[in-house]
Amino acid sequence: MALESNKKGFKGLTGFDIKFLALVFMLLDHIHYFFQFTGKVPVLFSWIGRLAGGLFLFTMVEGYTHTSNKKKYFSRIYLMSVFMAIIKSLMVIFHALQRGDGFYAENSIFSTFVILIIIFKGIDYIKGKKFLKGIGLVLSPFIINYAIIFIFQLLVVPFFSMDMANNIYLIVTSFIPSPFMVEGGLFLIITGILLYVFRENRELQFISYGIFTLAWMIGIPLIFIRPISLKLMFTNYYEWMSVFALIFMFLYNGEKGKSMKKLFYIFYPAHVYILYGLSILLYNLIF
C-alpha cells in the first residue's frame, strides 16, 4: 500500500517529485560521465547519480501501471528509443562524430523501458492465467535477440566485412533493442521486473530491490574480482550505492503530482547531447 499523504501530517513525495529528483541526480552523474577525462569532476557526482536509475524505473512502473492508454505510453517510449539508438549508431559508424579519444554518448534508457514494458505485458497475461501468451512475451526480447544473431551469422556475416556486419546489426537493434545491449543491461531489466511484480506490496517491493541491488553490485564483483578493498568500493565499484534510492521510494505518497509528461522526454535526450557536444569542445581545447 502507498503511504497516505495525510497520515500524521506526512506529505511525502509525489511521482513528479521523485522523477524530478531523478533528473537532477542523473544530470550530476552525466556531468561526471562526460567530463571525467578532465580529472576535475568529483566522483561524488557519480555516487549521487547511482540513485537515478532505480528512481526512473520506480516512476516508470508507476506510470505504466496507472496510465489509461498503455499503447500510447509504449509508443512514446519506443519512438524515443529508436531516435536515440539511431544517433548512437551513427556515432559508432562515423568516427568523426566521436570525441577525439574515441568516446561517444551511449545513453538511452528508453530502450531498456521498451523491453521492460513488453515483459510487463507478459507478466499481466500470466497473472490473468494466459500462461502461454504471457511466457512468450516475457521471453520474446531474448528469443528475438538470439534469432537476429542467428540470421546475421547465416545471411550477413558471410557476405559482408565484419565492420559492415556490425554496423548493420547496430541499425537493426536500434528498432529491435537487445536486452544485452540496452543501458543497464540485465541488471536494470531484472530490477524493473522486481519493482513491477511487487508493485502492490511496498514492503516486498523495497526489500526485493534492496537485496537484489546489493547482491548484484557487491556479490558479483566479490566473486569475479576478489579481493575488493573498501577504497575500491568507493572509487571503482560504487554501483551498489543505487540501493539508497530506497529512501526516496519510501517517501512516495502514491500521488502523481504535477503533470509534465513532456519534461522527461525532452530533457533526457537534450541534456545528453548538449553535454556530449560541450565535452567535445572542451576536449579539443585541452588537447
C-alpha atoms as a PDB file:
ATOM      1  CA  MET A   1       0.000   0.000   0.000  1.00  0.00           C
ATOM      2  CA  ALA A   2       1.211   3.515  -0.778  1.00  0.00           C
ATOM      3  CA  LEU A   3       1.779   5.846   2.111  1.00  0.00           C
ATOM      4  CA  GLU A   4      -1.161   8.101   2.837  1.00  0.00           C
ATOM      5  CA  SER A   5      -0.288  11.751   2.296  1.00  0.00           C
ATOM      6  CA  ASN A   6      -2.493  12.900   5.151  1.00  0.00           C
ATOM      7  CA  LYS A   7      -1.334  10.349   7.721  1.00  0.00           C
ATOM      8  CA  LYS A   8       0.052  12.217  10.740  1.00  0.00           C
ATOM      9  CA  GLY A   9       0.615  15.236   8.530  1.00  0.00           C
ATOM     10  CA  PHE A  10       3.017  13.358   6.255  1.00  0.00           C
ATOM     11  CA  LYS A  11       3.020  14.738   2.729  1.00  0.00           C
ATOM     12  CA  GLY A  12       5.812  12.701   1.194  1.00  0.00           C
ATOM     13  CA  LEU A  13       6.925  12.868  -2.412  1.00  0.00           C
ATOM     14  CA  THR A  14       4.699  12.663  -5.461  1.00  0.00           C
ATOM     15  CA  GLY A  15       5.646  10.762  -8.586  1.00  0.00           C
ATOM     16  CA  PHE A  16       6.629  14.068 -10.190  1.00  0.00           C
ATOM     17  CA  ASP A  17       8.859  14.961  -7.225  1.00  0.00           C
ATOM     18  CA  ILE A  18      10.699  11.661  -7.473  1.00  0.00           C
ATOM     19  CA  LYS A  19      11.112  11.911 -11.231  1.00  0.00           C
ATOM     20  CA  PHE A  20      12.420  15.482 -10.913  1.00  0.00           C
ATOM     21  CA  LEU A  21      14.934  14.409  -8.260  1.00  0.00           C
ATOM     22  CA  ALA A  22      15.987  11.539 -10.532  1.00  0.00           C
ATOM     23  CA  LEU A  23      16.587  14.054 -13.334  1.00  0.00           C
ATOM     24  CA  VAL A  24      18.834  16.119 -11.040  1.00  0.00           C
ATOM     25  CA  PHE A  25      20.744  13.026  -9.881  1.00  0.00           C
ATOM     26  CA  MET A  26      21.132  11.893 -13.493  1.00  0.00           C
ATOM     27  CA  LEU A  27      22.421  15.308 -14.561  1.00  0.00           C
ATOM     28  CA  LEU A  28      25.141  15.193 -11.894  1.00  0.00           C
ATOM     29  CA  ASP A  29      26.051  11.646 -12.928  1.00  0.00           C
ATOM     30  CA  HIS A  30      26.307  12.589 -16.590  1.00  0.00           C
ATOM     31  CA  ILE A  31      28.436  15.657 -15.832  1.00  0.00           C
ATOM     32  CA  HIS A  32      30.936  13.224 -14.300  1.00  0.00           C
ATOM     33  CA  TYR A  33      30.435  10.753 -17.159  1.00  0.00           C
ATOM     34  CA  PHE A  34      31.052  13.236 -19.981  1.00  0.00           C
ATOM     35  CA  PHE A  35      33.778  15.294 -18.301  1.00  0.00           C
ATOM     36  CA  GLN A  36      35.632  12.633 -16.329  1.00  0.00           C
ATOM     37  CA  PHE A  37      38.516  12.955 -18.773  1.00  0.00           C
ATOM     38  CA  THR A  38      39.328  16.371 -17.294  1.00  0.00           C
ATOM     39  CA  GLY A  39      40.027  14.896 -13.860  1.00  0.00           C
ATOM     40  CA  LYS A  40      38.224  17.889 -12.350  1.00  0.00           C
ATOM     41  CA  VAL A  41      34.729  16.494 -11.709  1.00  0.00           C
ATOM     42  CA  PRO A  42      34.476  14.765  -8.302  1.00  0.00           C
ATOM     43  CA  VAL A  43      33.358  11.140  -8.224  1.00  0.00           C
ATOM     44  CA  LEU A  44      30.734  12.306  -5.707  1.00  0.00           C
ATOM     45  CA  PHE A  45      28.638  13.369  -8.720  1.00  0.00           C
ATOM     46  CA  SER A  46      28.541   9.777  -9.894  1.00  0.00           C
ATOM     47  CA  TRP A  47      27.804   8.453  -6.402  1.00  0.00           C
ATOM     48  CA  ILE A  48      24.689  10.632  -6.308  1.00  0.00           C
ATOM     49  CA  GLY A  49      23.894   9.617  -9.873  1.00  0.00           C
ATOM     50  CA  ARG A  50      23.611   5.955  -8.852  1.00  0.00           C
ATOM     51  CA  LEU A  51      20.185   6.782  -7.403  1.00  0.00           C
ATOM     52  CA  ALA A  52      18.760   7.893 -10.736  1.00  0.00           C
ATOM     53  CA  GLY A  53      18.332   4.512 -12.450  1.00  0.00           C
ATOM     54  CA  GLY A  54      16.300   2.916  -9.673  1.00  0.00           C
ATOM     55  CA  LEU A  55      14.104   6.004  -9.292  1.00  0.00           C
ATOM     56  CA  PHE A  56      13.415   6.187 -13.032  1.00  0.00           C
ATOM     57  CA  LEU A  57      12.425   2.512 -13.006  1.00  0.00           C
ATOM     58  CA  PHE A  58      10.197   3.112  -9.984  1.00  0.00           C
ATOM     59  CA  THR A  59       8.367   6.032 -11.602  1.00  0.00           C
ATOM     60  CA  MET A  60       8.152   4.194 -14.929  1.00  0.00           C
ATOM     61  CA  VAL A  61       6.458   1.242 -13.196  1.00  0.00           C
ATOM     62  CA  GLU A  62       4.019   3.647 -11.542  1.00  0.00           C
ATOM     63  CA  GLY A  63       3.405   5.479 -14.809  1.00  0.00           C
ATOM     64  CA  TYR A  64       2.808   2.295 -16.795  1.00  0.00           C
ATOM     65  CA  THR A  65       0.558   0.843 -14.082  1.00  0.00           C
ATOM     66  CA  HIS A  66      -1.711   3.879 -13.879  1.00  0.00           C
ATOM     67  CA  THR A  67      -1.744   5.149 -17.459  1.00  0.00           C
ATOM     68  CA  SER A  68      -5.126   4.974 -19.165  1.00  0.00           C
ATOM     69  CA  ASN A  69      -3.567   4.243 -22.560  1.00  0.00           C
ATOM     70  CA  LYS A  70      -0.741   1.718 -22.366  1.00  0.00           C
ATOM     71  CA  LYS A  71      -0.338   1.533 -26.152  1.00  0.00           C
ATOM     72  CA  LYS A  72       0.218   5.285 -26.401  1.00  0.00           C
ATOM     73  CA  TYR A  73       2.572   5.143 -23.409  1.00  0.00           C
ATOM     74  CA  PHE A  74       4.608   2.408 -25.105  1.00  0.00           C
ATOM     75  CA  SER A  75       4.604   4.220 -28.455  1.00  0.00           C
ATOM     76  CA  ARG A  76       6.117   7.396 -26.950  1.00  0.00           C
ATOM     77  CA  ILE A  77       8.896   5.465 -25.268  1.00  0.00           C
ATOM     78  CA  TYR A  78       9.552   3.314 -28.334  1.00  0.00           C
ATOM     79  CA  LEU A  79       9.888   6.326 -30.651  1.00  0.00           C
ATOM     80  CA  MET A  80      12.345   7.983 -28.256  1.00  0.00           C
ATOM     81  CA  SER A  81      14.227   4.698 -28.021  1.00  0.00           C
ATOM     82  CA  VAL A  82      14.598   4.461 -31.806  1.00  0.00           C
ATOM     83  CA  PHE A  83      15.587   8.125 -32.089  1.00  0.00           C
ATOM     84  CA  MET A  84      18.410   7.874 -29.541  1.00  0.00           C
ATOM     85  CA  ALA A  85      19.543   4.436 -30.713  1.00  0.00           C
ATOM     86  CA  ILE A  86      19.928   5.668 -34.297  1.00  0.00           C
ATOM     87  CA  ILE A  87      22.007   8.633 -33.126  1.00  0.00           C
ATOM     88  CA  LYS A  88      24.189   6.254 -31.119  1.00  0.00           C
ATOM     89  CA  SER A  89      24.600   4.014 -34.183  1.00  0.00           C
ATOM     90  CA  LEU A  90      25.657   6.994 -36.291  1.00  0.00           C
ATOM     91  CA  MET A  91      28.256   7.909 -33.669  1.00  0.00           C
ATOM     92  CA  VAL A  92      29.661   4.384 -33.816  1.00  0.00           C
ATOM     93  CA  ILE A  93      29.656   4.188 -37.618  1.00  0.00           C
ATOM     94  CA  PHE A  94      31.004   7.677 -38.338  1.00  0.00           C
ATOM     95  CA  HIS A  95      34.112   8.254 -36.237  1.00  0.00           C
ATOM     96  CA  ALA A  96      34.008  11.975 -36.994  1.00  0.00           C
ATOM     97  CA  LEU A  97      31.032  12.186 -34.619  1.00  0.00           C
ATOM     98  CA  GLN A  98      33.093  10.764 -31.766  1.00  0.00           C
ATOM     99  CA  ARG A  99      35.208  12.716 -29.320  1.00  0.00           C
ATOM    100  CA  GLY A 100      38.941  12.813 -30.000  1.00  0.00           C
ATOM    101  CA  ASP A 101      39.597   9.936 -27.574  1.00  0.00           C
ATOM    102  CA  GLY A 102      37.004   7.699 -29.252  1.00  0.00           C
ATOM    103  CA  PHE A 103      34.345   8.374 -26.625  1.00  0.00           C
ATOM    104  CA  TYR A 104      30.696   8.733 -27.687  1.00  0.00           C
ATOM    105  CA  ALA A 105      27.324   9.019 -25.923  1.00  0.00           C
ATOM    106  CA  GLU A 106      25.831   5.580 -25.294  1.00  0.00           C
ATOM    107  CA  ASN A 107      22.908   6.740 -23.149  1.00  0.00           C
ATOM    108  CA  SER A 108      19.359   5.596 -23.920  1.00  0.00           C
ATOM    109  CA  ILE A 109      17.336   4.224 -21.035  1.00  0.00           C
ATOM    110  CA  PHE A 110      14.270   4.350 -23.297  1.00  0.00           C
ATOM    111  CA  SER A 111      15.428   1.113 -24.953  1.00  0.00           C
ATOM    112  CA  THR A 112      15.527  -0.533 -21.524  1.00  0.00           C
ATOM    113  CA  PHE A 113      11.983   0.695 -20.889  1.00  0.00           C
ATOM    114  CA  VAL A 114      10.805  -0.749 -24.226  1.00  0.00           C
ATOM    115  CA  ILE A 115      11.957  -4.235 -23.231  1.00  0.00           C
ATOM    116  CA  LEU A 116      10.510  -3.871 -19.741  1.00  0.00           C
ATOM    117  CA  ILE A 117       7.063  -2.822 -20.963  1.00  0.00           C
ATOM    118  CA  ILE A 118       6.912  -5.886 -23.221  1.00  0.00           C
ATOM    119  CA  ILE A 119       7.838  -8.055 -20.237  1.00  0.00           C
ATOM    120  CA  PHE A 120       5.298  -6.239 -18.033  1.00  0.00           C
ATOM    121  CA  LYS A 121       2.561  -7.073 -20.541  1.00  0.00           C
ATOM    122  CA  GLY A 122       3.645 -10.689 -20.435  1.00  0.00           C
ATOM    123  CA  ILE A 123       3.518 -10.676 -16.630  1.00  0.00           C
ATOM    124  CA  ASP A 124      -0.033  -9.281 -16.815  1.00  0.00           C
ATOM    125  CA  TYR A 125      -1.043 -12.134 -19.127  1.00  0.00           C
ATOM    126  CA  ILE A 126       0.482 -14.682 -16.747  1.00  0.00           C
ATOM    127  CA  LYS A 127      -1.370 -13.065 -13.857  1.00  0.00           C
ATOM    128  CA  GLY A 128      -4.561 -13.413 -15.917  1.00  0.00           C
ATOM    129  CA  LYS A 129      -3.751 -17.136 -16.403  1.00  0.00           C
ATOM    130  CA  LYS A 130      -2.901 -16.700 -20.077  1.00  0.00           C
ATOM    131  CA  PHE A 131       0.319 -18.565 -19.452  1.00  0.00           C
ATOM    132  CA  LEU A 132       1.442 -19.403 -22.992  1.00  0.00           C
ATOM    133  CA  LYS A 133       0.942 -15.855 -24.260  1.00  0.00           C
ATOM    134  CA  GLY A 134       2.458 -14.379 -21.122  1.00  0.00           C
ATOM    135  CA  ILE A 135       5.586 -16.555 -21.059  1.00  0.00           C
ATOM    136  CA  GLY A 136       6.031 -15.921 -24.779  1.00  0.00           C
ATOM    137  CA  LEU A 137       6.015 -12.148 -24.267  1.00  0.00           C
ATOM    138  CA  VAL A 138       8.343 -12.300 -21.255  1.00  0.00           C
ATOM    139  CA  LEU A 139      10.874 -14.346 -23.216  1.00  0.00           C
ATOM    140  CA  SER A 140      10.348 -12.610 -26.580  1.00  0.00           C
ATOM    141  CA  PRO A 141      13.072  -9.914 -26.222  1.00  0.00           C
ATOM    142  CA  PHE A 142      15.658 -12.644 -25.586  1.00  0.00           C
ATOM    143  CA  ILE A 143      14.345 -15.070 -28.213  1.00  0.00           C
ATOM    144  CA  ILE A 144      14.207 -12.348 -30.883  1.00  0.00           C
ATOM    145  CA  ASN A 145      17.722 -11.205 -29.997  1.00  0.00           C
ATOM    146  CA  TYR A 146      19.143 -14.701 -30.463  1.00  0.00           C
ATOM    147  CA  ALA A 147      17.108 -15.135 -33.663  1.00  0.00           C
ATOM    148  CA  ILE A 148      18.608 -11.920 -35.076  1.00  0.00           C
ATOM    149  CA  ILE A 149      22.124 -13.089 -34.186  1.00  0.00           C
ATOM    150  CA  PHE A 150      21.464 -16.470 -35.850  1.00  0.00           C
ATOM    151  CA  ILE A 151      20.156 -14.803 -39.031  1.00  0.00           C
ATOM    152  CA  PHE A 152      23.143 -12.469 -39.107  1.00  0.00           C
ATOM    153  CA  GLN A 153      25.584 -15.355 -38.762  1.00  0.00           C
ATOM    154  CA  LEU A 154      23.799 -17.136 -41.596  1.00  0.00           C
ATOM    155  CA  LEU A 155      22.962 -14.358 -44.069  1.00  0.00           C
ATOM    156  CA  VAL A 156      25.040 -11.281 -43.253  1.00  0.00           C
ATOM    157  CA  VAL A 157      28.460 -12.214 -41.834  1.00  0.00           C
ATOM    158  CA  PRO A 158      29.468 -14.480 -44.785  1.00  0.00           C
ATOM    159  CA  PHE A 159      28.779 -11.724 -47.338  1.00  0.00           C
ATOM    160  CA  PHE A 160      29.945  -8.536 -45.612  1.00  0.00           C
ATOM    161  CA  SER A 161      33.031  -7.361 -43.787  1.00  0.00           C
ATOM    162  CA  MET A 162      32.894  -7.640 -40.011  1.00  0.00           C
ATOM    163  CA  ASP A 163      32.701  -3.849 -39.639  1.00  0.00           C
ATOM    164  CA  MET A 164      29.806  -3.659 -42.091  1.00  0.00           C
ATOM    165  CA  ALA A 165      28.008  -6.577 -40.400  1.00  0.00           C
ATOM    166  CA  ASN A 166      28.398  -4.883 -37.009  1.00  0.00           C
ATOM    167  CA  ASN A 167      27.047  -1.616 -38.413  1.00  0.00           C
ATOM    168  CA  ILE A 168      24.014  -3.373 -39.900  1.00  0.00           C
ATOM    169  CA  TYR A 169      23.426  -5.121 -36.566  1.00  0.00           C
ATOM    170  CA  LEU A 170      23.541  -1.750 -34.768  1.00  0.00           C
ATOM    171  CA  ILE A 171      20.904  -0.310 -37.094  1.00  0.00           C
ATOM    172  CA  VAL A 172      18.648  -3.369 -36.724  1.00  0.00           C
ATOM    173  CA  THR A 173      18.881  -3.309 -32.923  1.00  0.00           C
ATOM    174  CA  SER A 174      18.013   0.398 -32.974  1.00  0.00           C
ATOM    175  CA  PHE A 175      14.500  -0.737 -33.926  1.00  0.00           C
ATOM    176  CA  ILE A 176      14.535  -4.068 -32.069  1.00  0.00           C
ATOM    177  CA  PRO A 177      16.541  -3.443 -28.875  1.00  0.00           C
ATOM    178  CA  SER A 178      18.662  -6.245 -27.480  1.00  0.00           C
ATOM    179  CA  PRO A 179      18.308  -6.878 -23.712  1.00  0.00           C
ATOM    180  CA  PHE A 180      22.078  -7.379 -23.594  1.00  0.00           C
ATOM    181  CA  MET A 181      22.930  -4.036 -25.221  1.00  0.00           C
ATOM    182  CA  VAL A 182      20.472  -1.615 -23.606  1.00  0.00           C
ATOM    183  CA  GLU A 183      21.539   0.776 -20.860  1.00  0.00           C
ATOM    184  CA  GLY A 184      21.864  -1.038 -17.563  1.00  0.00           C
ATOM    185  CA  GLY A 185      21.591  -4.434 -19.265  1.00  0.00           C
ATOM    186  CA  LEU A 186      20.200  -7.381 -17.347  1.00  0.00           C
ATOM    187  CA  PHE A 187      20.608  -5.601 -14.017  1.00  0.00           C
ATOM    188  CA  LEU A 188      18.085  -2.862 -14.823  1.00  0.00           C
ATOM    189  CA  ILE A 189      15.780  -5.330 -16.580  1.00  0.00           C
ATOM    190  CA  ILE A 190      15.622  -7.652 -13.563  1.00  0.00           C
ATOM    191  CA  THR A 191      15.312  -4.670 -11.220  1.00  0.00           C
ATOM    192  CA  GLY A 192      12.376  -3.348 -13.245  1.00  0.00           C
ATOM    193  CA  ILE A 193      10.704  -6.760 -13.178  1.00  0.00           C
ATOM    194  CA  LEU A 194      11.009  -6.947  -9.377  1.00  0.00           C
ATOM    195  CA  LEU A 195       9.576  -3.450  -8.948  1.00  0.00           C
ATOM    196  CA  TYR A 196       6.647  -4.362 -11.202  1.00  0.00           C
ATOM    197  CA  VAL A 197       5.884  -7.804  -9.774  1.00  0.00           C
ATOM    198  CA  PHE A 198       5.779  -6.474  -6.193  1.00  0.00           C
ATOM    199  CA  ARG A 199       4.208  -3.085  -7.002  1.00  0.00           C
ATOM    200  CA  GLU A 200       1.104  -3.867  -4.922  1.00  0.00           C
ATOM    201  CA  ASN A 201       3.181  -4.697  -1.847  1.00  0.00           C
ATOM    202  CA  ARG A 202       5.550  -1.856  -0.989  1.00  0.00           C
ATOM    203  CA  GLU A 203       7.386  -3.813   1.694  1.00  0.00           C
ATOM    204  CA  LEU A 204       8.257  -6.678  -0.667  1.00  0.00           C
ATOM    205  CA  GLN A 205       8.990  -4.207  -3.456  1.00  0.00           C
ATOM    206  CA  PHE A 206      11.530  -2.325  -1.350  1.00  0.00           C
ATOM    207  CA  ILE A 207      13.074  -5.453   0.196  1.00  0.00           C
ATOM    208  CA  SER A 208      13.490  -7.209  -3.162  1.00  0.00           C
ATOM    209  CA  TYR A 209      15.016  -4.059  -4.687  1.00  0.00           C
ATOM    210  CA  GLY A 210      17.498  -3.661  -1.830  1.00  0.00           C
ATOM    211  CA  ILE A 211      18.558  -7.302  -1.631  1.00  0.00           C
ATOM    212  CA  PHE A 212      18.909  -7.726  -5.386  1.00  0.00           C
ATOM    213  CA  THR A 213      20.860  -4.475  -5.815  1.00  0.00           C
ATOM    214  CA  LEU A 214      23.377  -5.344  -3.104  1.00  0.00           C
ATOM    215  CA  ALA A 215      23.657  -8.986  -4.214  1.00  0.00           C
ATOM    216  CA  TRP A 216      24.318  -7.994  -7.835  1.00  0.00           C
ATOM    217  CA  MET A 217      26.530  -4.955  -7.254  1.00  0.00           C
ATOM    218  CA  ILE A 218      28.597  -6.330  -4.383  1.00  0.00           C
ATOM    219  CA  GLY A 219      28.259 -10.104  -4.782  1.00  0.00           C
ATOM    220  CA  ILE A 220      29.318 -10.309  -8.443  1.00  0.00           C
ATOM    221  CA  PRO A 221      32.461  -8.143  -8.021  1.00  0.00           C
ATOM    222  CA  LEU A 222      33.434 -10.173  -4.954  1.00  0.00           C
ATOM    223  CA  ILE A 223      33.105 -13.408  -6.945  1.00  0.00           C
ATOM    224  CA  PHE A 224      34.950 -12.306 -10.075  1.00  0.00           C
ATOM    225  CA  ILE A 225      37.287  -9.516  -8.882  1.00  0.00           C
ATOM    226  CA  ARG A 226      38.458 -10.671  -5.476  1.00  0.00           C
ATOM    227  CA  PRO A 227      39.582  -9.146  -3.234  1.00  0.00           C
ATOM    228  CA  ILE A 228      37.859  -5.752  -3.276  1.00  0.00           C
ATOM    229  CA  SER A 229      39.056  -3.195  -0.772  1.00  0.00           C
ATOM    230  CA  LEU A 230      36.790  -0.667   0.897  1.00  0.00           C
ATOM    231  CA  LYS A 231      38.532   2.018  -1.142  1.00  0.00           C
ATOM    232  CA  LEU A 232      37.665   0.291  -4.426  1.00  0.00           C
ATOM    233  CA  MET A 233      34.005   0.162  -3.392  1.00  0.00           C
ATOM    234  CA  PHE A 234      34.001   3.961  -3.435  1.00  0.00           C
ATOM    235  CA  THR A 235      36.299   4.572  -6.414  1.00  0.00           C
ATOM    236  CA  ASN A 236      35.621   1.788  -8.940  1.00  0.00           C
ATOM    237  CA  TYR A 237      32.730  -0.404  -7.818  1.00  0.00           C
ATOM    238  CA  TYR A 238      30.250   2.069  -6.365  1.00  0.00           C
ATOM    239  CA  GLU A 239      27.165   0.916  -8.305  1.00  0.00           C
ATOM    240  CA  TRP A 240      25.893  -0.553  -5.013  1.00  0.00           C
ATOM    241  CA  MET A 241      25.047   3.000  -3.933  1.00  0.00           C
ATOM    242  CA  SER A 242      21.901   2.744  -6.075  1.00  0.00           C
ATOM    243  CA  VAL A 243      20.385   0.981  -3.053  1.00  0.00           C
ATOM    244  CA  PHE A 244      19.926   4.435  -1.464  1.00  0.00           C
ATOM    245  CA  ALA A 245      17.183   5.147  -3.997  1.00  0.00           C
ATOM    246  CA  LEU A 246      15.048   3.266  -1.457  1.00  0.00           C
ATOM    247  CA  ILE A 247      14.983   6.404   0.693  1.00  0.00           C
ATOM    248  CA  PHE A 248      13.005   8.307  -1.932  1.00  0.00           C
ATOM    249  CA  MET A 249      10.859   5.315  -2.890  1.00  0.00           C
ATOM    250  CA  PHE A 250       9.861   5.031   0.773  1.00  0.00           C
ATOM    251  CA  LEU A 251       8.833   8.706   0.792  1.00  0.00           C
ATOM    252  CA  TYR A 252       6.494   8.187  -2.176  1.00  0.00           C
ATOM    253  CA  ASN A 253       2.934   9.131  -1.194  1.00  0.00           C
ATOM    254  CA  GLY A 254       1.167   7.387  -4.079  1.00  0.00           C
ATOM    255  CA  GLU A 255       0.151  10.617  -5.814  1.00  0.00           C
ATOM    256  CA  LYS A 256       1.042  11.517  -9.387  1.00  0.00           C
ATOM    257  CA  GLY A 257       1.758  15.178  -8.691  1.00  0.00           C
ATOM    258  CA  LYS A 258       2.274  17.755 -11.430  1.00  0.00           C
ATOM    259  CA  SER A 259       1.537  16.611 -14.957  1.00  0.00           C
ATOM    260  CA  MET A 260       4.611  17.433 -17.027  1.00  0.00           C
ATOM    261  CA  LYS A 261       4.930  14.293 -19.131  1.00  0.00           C
ATOM    262  CA  LYS A 262       6.961  16.068 -21.823  1.00  0.00           C
ATOM    263  CA  LEU A 263       9.685  17.148 -19.367  1.00  0.00           C
ATOM    264  CA  PHE A 264      11.462  13.784 -19.266  1.00  0.00           C
ATOM    265  CA  TYR A 265      11.086  13.118 -22.994  1.00  0.00           C
ATOM    266  CA  ILE A 266      12.670  16.490 -23.828  1.00  0.00           C
ATOM    267  CA  PHE A 267      15.208  16.862 -21.019  1.00  0.00           C
ATOM    268  CA  TYR A 268      16.718  13.389 -21.262  1.00  0.00           C
ATOM    269  CA  PRO A 269      17.986  13.472 -24.880  1.00  0.00           C
ATOM    270  CA  ALA A 270      18.613  17.241 -24.795  1.00  0.00           C
ATOM    271  CA  HIS A 271      20.953  17.156 -21.811  1.00  0.00           C
ATOM    272  CA  VAL A 272      22.806  14.084 -23.147  1.00  0.00           C
ATOM    273  CA  TYR A 273      23.643  15.679 -26.483  1.00  0.00           C
ATOM    274  CA  ILE A 274      24.351  19.129 -25.037  1.00  0.00           C
ATOM    275  CA  LEU A 275      26.801  17.672 -22.502  1.00  0.00           C
ATOM    276  CA  TYR A 276      28.338  15.472 -25.180  1.00  0.00           C
ATOM    277  CA  GLY A 277      28.805  18.425 -27.519  1.00  0.00           C
ATOM    278  CA  LEU A 278      30.354  20.514 -24.737  1.00  0.00           C
ATOM    279  CA  SER A 279      32.700  17.650 -23.844  1.00  0.00           C
ATOM    280  CA  ILE A 280      33.912  17.537 -27.460  1.00  0.00           C
ATOM    281  CA  LEU A 281      34.568  21.283 -27.459  1.00  0.00           C
ATOM    282  CA  LEU A 282      36.428  21.104 -24.141  1.00  0.00           C
ATOM    283  CA  TYR A 283      38.444  18.074 -25.265  1.00  0.00           C
ATOM    284  CA  ASN A 284      39.519  19.915 -28.419  1.00  0.00           C
ATOM    285  CA  LEU A 285      40.510  22.984 -26.391  1.00  0.00           C
ATOM    286  CA  ILE A 286      42.609  20.924 -23.972  1.00  0.00           C
ATOM    287  CA  PHE A 287      44.220  18.529 -26.434  1.00  0.00           C
END
